[in-house]
Amino acid sequence: MKKNLYLGLGLIIFSGCSQNFEKIYDCDGVEVVFNDYDRLFVVGGVDLSSREGFFMNQTTVFGKFYENADGSAMATFSKINNTLEFTDPNQTLTAQCTEK
């Protein structure tokens, strides 16, 4: 009985809130939020994880802002280097990120 009680409490505590898995970074003034558990990727308030072309693995998070005949604008976050790379048809910008 006691073992089941501890098991039940443990499950409630560990599965209760996935917000604990959110990582928030400041990338030269742009806020980046990602959550591996919920597969969330938000750059500057734009949820890229809900858009076509979203990709996430252990080292990289990638999402597109838009895609048209001229090209696409995308953001790539490196979990290893803590960098955000923004690419559009005209330029590529890289920002160093610090965890909040």
C-alpha atoms as a PDB file:
ATOM      1  CA  MET A   1       0.000   0.000   0.000  1.00  0.00           C
ATOM      2  CA  LYS A   2       2.769   2.420   0.962  1.00  0.00           C
ATOM      3  CA  LYS A   3       4.715   1.530  -2.182  1.00  0.00           C
ATOM      4  CA  ASN A   4       1.686   2.302  -4.378  1.00  0.00           C
ATOM      5  CA  LEU A   5       1.198   5.634  -2.620  1.00  0.00           C
ATOM      6  CA  TYR A   6       4.802   6.679  -3.300  1.00  0.00           C
ATOM      7  CA  LEU A   7       4.546   5.497  -6.894  1.00  0.00           C
ATOM      8  CA  GLY A   8       1.330   7.470  -7.413  1.00  0.00           C
ATOM      9  CA  LEU A   9       2.777  10.632  -5.876  1.00  0.00           C
ATOM     10  CA  GLY A  10       5.909  10.281  -7.970  1.00  0.00           C
ATOM     11  CA  LEU A  11       3.895  10.000 -11.169  1.00  0.00           C
ATOM     12  CA  ILE A  12       1.851  13.066 -10.278  1.00  0.00           C
ATOM     13  CA  ILE A  13       4.939  15.128  -9.493  1.00  0.00           C
ATOM     14  CA  PHE A  14       6.947  14.113 -12.574  1.00  0.00           C
ATOM     15  CA  SER A  15       4.113  14.215 -15.102  1.00  0.00           C
ATOM     16  CA  GLY A  16       2.287  17.216 -13.699  1.00  0.00           C
ATOM     17  CA  CYS A  17       3.824  20.056 -15.641  1.00  0.00           C
ATOM     18  CA  SER A  18       5.856  20.005 -18.837  1.00  0.00           C
ATOM     19  CA  GLN A  19       6.649  23.706 -18.403  1.00  0.00           C
ATOM     20  CA  ASN A  20       9.605  22.577 -16.264  1.00  0.00           C
ATOM     21  CA  PHE A  21      11.208  21.313 -19.478  1.00  0.00           C
ATOM     22  CA  GLU A  22      11.102  24.731 -21.162  1.00  0.00           C
ATOM     23  CA  LYS A  23      14.418  26.333 -21.965  1.00  0.00           C
ATOM     24  CA  ILE A  24      14.364  30.100 -22.441  1.00  0.00           C
ATOM     25  CA  TYR A  25      17.256  31.919 -24.089  1.00  0.00           C
ATOM     26  CA  ASP A  26      18.091  35.535 -24.856  1.00  0.00           C
ATOM     27  CA  CYS A  27      19.715  35.677 -28.281  1.00  0.00           C
ATOM     28  CA  ASP A  28      20.901  39.280 -28.664  1.00  0.00           C
ATOM     29  CA  GLY A  29      17.468  40.562 -27.620  1.00  0.00           C
ATOM     30  CA  VAL A  30      15.383  37.855 -29.310  1.00  0.00           C
ATOM     31  CA  GLU A  31      13.695  35.453 -26.894  1.00  0.00           C
ATOM     32  CA  VAL A  32      13.869  31.795 -27.904  1.00  0.00           C
ATOM     33  CA  VAL A  33      11.808  29.176 -26.089  1.00  0.00           C
ATOM     34  CA  PHE A  34      11.939  25.462 -26.756  1.00  0.00           C
ATOM     35  CA  ASN A  35      10.600  22.424 -24.970  1.00  0.00           C
ATOM     36  CA  ASP A  36      11.807  18.981 -26.026  1.00  0.00           C
ATOM     37  CA  TYR A  37       8.940  17.256 -24.211  1.00  0.00           C
ATOM     38  CA  ASP A  38       6.161  19.269 -25.906  1.00  0.00           C
ATOM     39  CA  ARG A  39       8.150  19.797 -29.147  1.00  0.00           C
ATOM     40  CA  LEU A  40       7.763  23.567 -28.832  1.00  0.00           C
ATOM     41  CA  PHE A  41       9.908  26.177 -30.623  1.00  0.00           C
ATOM     42  CA  VAL A  42       9.076  29.877 -30.292  1.00  0.00           C
ATOM     43  CA  VAL A  43      11.326  32.619 -31.707  1.00  0.00           C
ATOM     44  CA  GLY A  44      10.486  36.227 -30.922  1.00  0.00           C
ATOM     45  CA  GLY A  45       6.924  35.280 -29.981  1.00  0.00           C
ATOM     46  CA  VAL A  46       6.292  33.314 -33.204  1.00  0.00           C
ATOM     47  CA  ASP A  47       5.462  29.617 -32.689  1.00  0.00           C
ATOM     48  CA  LEU A  48       7.504  27.903 -35.401  1.00  0.00           C
ATOM     49  CA  SER A  49       6.746  24.413 -34.090  1.00  0.00           C
ATOM     50  CA  SER A  50       3.176  24.649 -35.384  1.00  0.00           C
ATOM     51  CA  ARG A  51       4.309  25.457 -38.929  1.00  0.00           C
ATOM     52  CA  GLU A  52       5.244  23.217 -41.823  1.00  0.00           C
ATOM     53  CA  GLY A  53       8.946  22.369 -41.951  1.00  0.00           C
ATOM     54  CA  PHE A  54       9.484  22.203 -38.174  1.00  0.00           C
ATOM     55  CA  PHE A  55      12.312  19.886 -37.087  1.00  0.00           C
ATOM     56  CA  MET A  56      13.754  19.028 -33.677  1.00  0.00           C
ATOM     57  CA  ASN A  57      16.357  16.517 -32.523  1.00  0.00           C
ATOM     58  CA  GLN A  58      18.913  16.265 -29.702  1.00  0.00           C
ATOM     59  CA  THR A  59      21.189  18.985 -31.093  1.00  0.00           C
ATOM     60  CA  THR A  60      19.146  21.256 -33.373  1.00  0.00           C
ATOM     61  CA  VAL A  61      15.764  22.974 -33.532  1.00  0.00           C
ATOM     62  CA  PHE A  62      14.624  24.354 -36.879  1.00  0.00           C
ATOM     63  CA  GLY A  63      11.530  26.213 -38.065  1.00  0.00           C
ATOM     64  CA  LYS A  64      10.398  28.324 -41.016  1.00  0.00           C
ATOM     65  CA  PHE A  65       8.870  31.772 -40.763  1.00  0.00           C
ATOM     66  CA  TYR A  66       7.742  31.721 -44.403  1.00  0.00           C
ATOM     67  CA  GLU A  67       8.447  30.187 -47.776  1.00  0.00           C
ATOM     68  CA  ASN A  68       7.686  31.762 -51.152  1.00  0.00           C
ATOM     69  CA  ALA A  69       9.025  31.912 -54.719  1.00  0.00           C
ATOM     70  CA  ASP A  70      11.982  34.074 -53.637  1.00  0.00           C
ATOM     71  CA  GLY A  71      13.086  31.655 -50.922  1.00  0.00           C
ATOM     72  CA  SER A  72      12.374  31.093 -47.265  1.00  0.00           C
ATOM     73  CA  ALA A  73      13.118  32.641 -43.903  1.00  0.00           C
ATOM     74  CA  MET A  74      14.073  30.213 -41.167  1.00  0.00           C
ATOM     75  CA  ALA A  75      15.507  30.036 -37.678  1.00  0.00           C
ATOM     76  CA  THR A  76      17.901  27.343 -36.500  1.00  0.00           C
ATOM     77  CA  PHE A  77      18.865  26.965 -32.842  1.00  0.00           C
ATOM     78  CA  SER A  78      21.942  24.915 -31.931  1.00  0.00           C
ATOM     79  CA  LYS A  79      21.569  23.300 -28.500  1.00  0.00           C
ATOM     80  CA  ILE A  80      25.291  22.498 -28.450  1.00  0.00           C
ATOM     81  CA  ASN A  81      26.657  25.979 -29.253  1.00  0.00           C
ATOM     82  CA  ASN A  82      23.665  27.958 -27.896  1.00  0.00           C
ATOM     83  CA  THR A  83      23.421  29.964 -31.104  1.00  0.00           C
ATOM     84  CA  LEU A  84      20.471  31.167 -33.155  1.00  0.00           C
ATOM     85  CA  GLU A  85      20.891  31.474 -36.896  1.00  0.00           C
ATOM     86  CA  PHE A  86      18.318  33.443 -38.881  1.00  0.00           C
ATOM     87  CA  THR A  87      18.403  32.952 -42.632  1.00  0.00           C
ATOM     88  CA  ASP A  88      16.334  34.650 -45.313  1.00  0.00           C
ATOM     89  CA  PRO A  89      16.896  34.985 -49.089  1.00  0.00           C
ATOM     90  CA  ASN A  90      19.148  38.032 -48.598  1.00  0.00           C
ATOM     91  CA  GLN A  91      21.221  37.322 -45.489  1.00  0.00           C
ATOM     92  CA  THR A  92      22.226  35.045 -42.651  1.00  0.00           C
ATOM     93  CA  LEU A  93      22.513  36.413 -39.119  1.00  0.00           C
ATOM     94  CA  THR A  94      23.949  34.532 -36.147  1.00  0.00           C
ATOM     95  CA  ALA A  95      23.388  35.431 -32.492  1.00  0.00           C
ATOM     96  CA  GLN A  96      25.000  34.018 -29.360  1.00  0.00           C
ATOM     97  CA  CYS A  97      22.379  32.974 -26.802  1.00  0.00           C
ATOM     98  CA  THR A  98      22.394  32.905 -23.008  1.00  0.00           C
ATOM     99  CA  GLU A  99      19.959  30.886 -20.936  1.00  0.00           C
ATOM    100  CA  LYS A 100      17.628  32.950 -18.765  1.00  0.00           C
END
